[in-house]
Amino acid sequence: MSDRTDSCKPQLAHSILHEPGIKEALGGKLLISILAGVTIAQLEEWVLPTTRIVRAMPNTPCKVLQPPYYIPQISENLAFLIRSAKE
């Protein structure tokens, strides 16, 4: 397993994720997005179903006082831990 960090502007995400081999390279990996204006649904369409996606919006928590991430299909145990950590 390798770790890699890349970044791009939101308007380039679609074309980058459709480059040859990128979709396959992300299969089974975690994709963390801070792309403004790009939804999780869009990202799910652009990658393989085995790619896990987390969307973090680092500026939003300051306004709403909530954690800066959204994890689809989160387990109840993990949700409890996150709620506990906020308190």
Foldseek 3Di string as FASTA:
>chain_A
DDDDDDDDALVCVQVVLPPPPNQVVQAQHEAEACHPPQDPVNVPVSHDVRHFYKYFPVVPCVVVVAHRIDGPPDDPVVVVVRVVVSD
